């Protein structure tokens, strides 16, 4: 699918909110946290904690996004906070392209590692497979973290070292 990738813009808030509400894996709390990060980035252009890449179709309609940022007190480690694709456009490679764009950007910044967390809940099975397909390794499992029977899973990907 032809798409454009660009930074977050002020007019993106409402379309992103609508898209997030359509993603069945995200509950009300997920929605609130995702919107908090979007609002933080939009309200303070100088903030360095949250970076966004927005995917749009040729008409300019938002079809997905990724949010990531540096992990405080680490040596070039970044966290992938959110990735979301509008359910209408699932299965068209948008998530893969967003992940690739983030990794390319971080590689040019000499990042060492990307980590992310997700849930062991069955609703996140496709999400876990997506990360494994893209060479993220499951490195930690915190049993019963979110609630009894729902673990916190930590995935990591080491990036090529360009310091030599």
Foldseek 3Di string as FASTA:
>chain_A
DDKDKDWDDPVCLVLVLVQQVQDVVADPVNSVVVSVLVCVCHVDVPDQAKTKIFIAHPVRRTFWMWIKGDDPPDDQEMETEDIGGRPVCPPVCPSVVRVVVVLVVSVVVQRFKYKYKDKPDPVCPVVVVVCVVVPWAFDDWAAQVVHHPMIITMTMDTHDGPPD
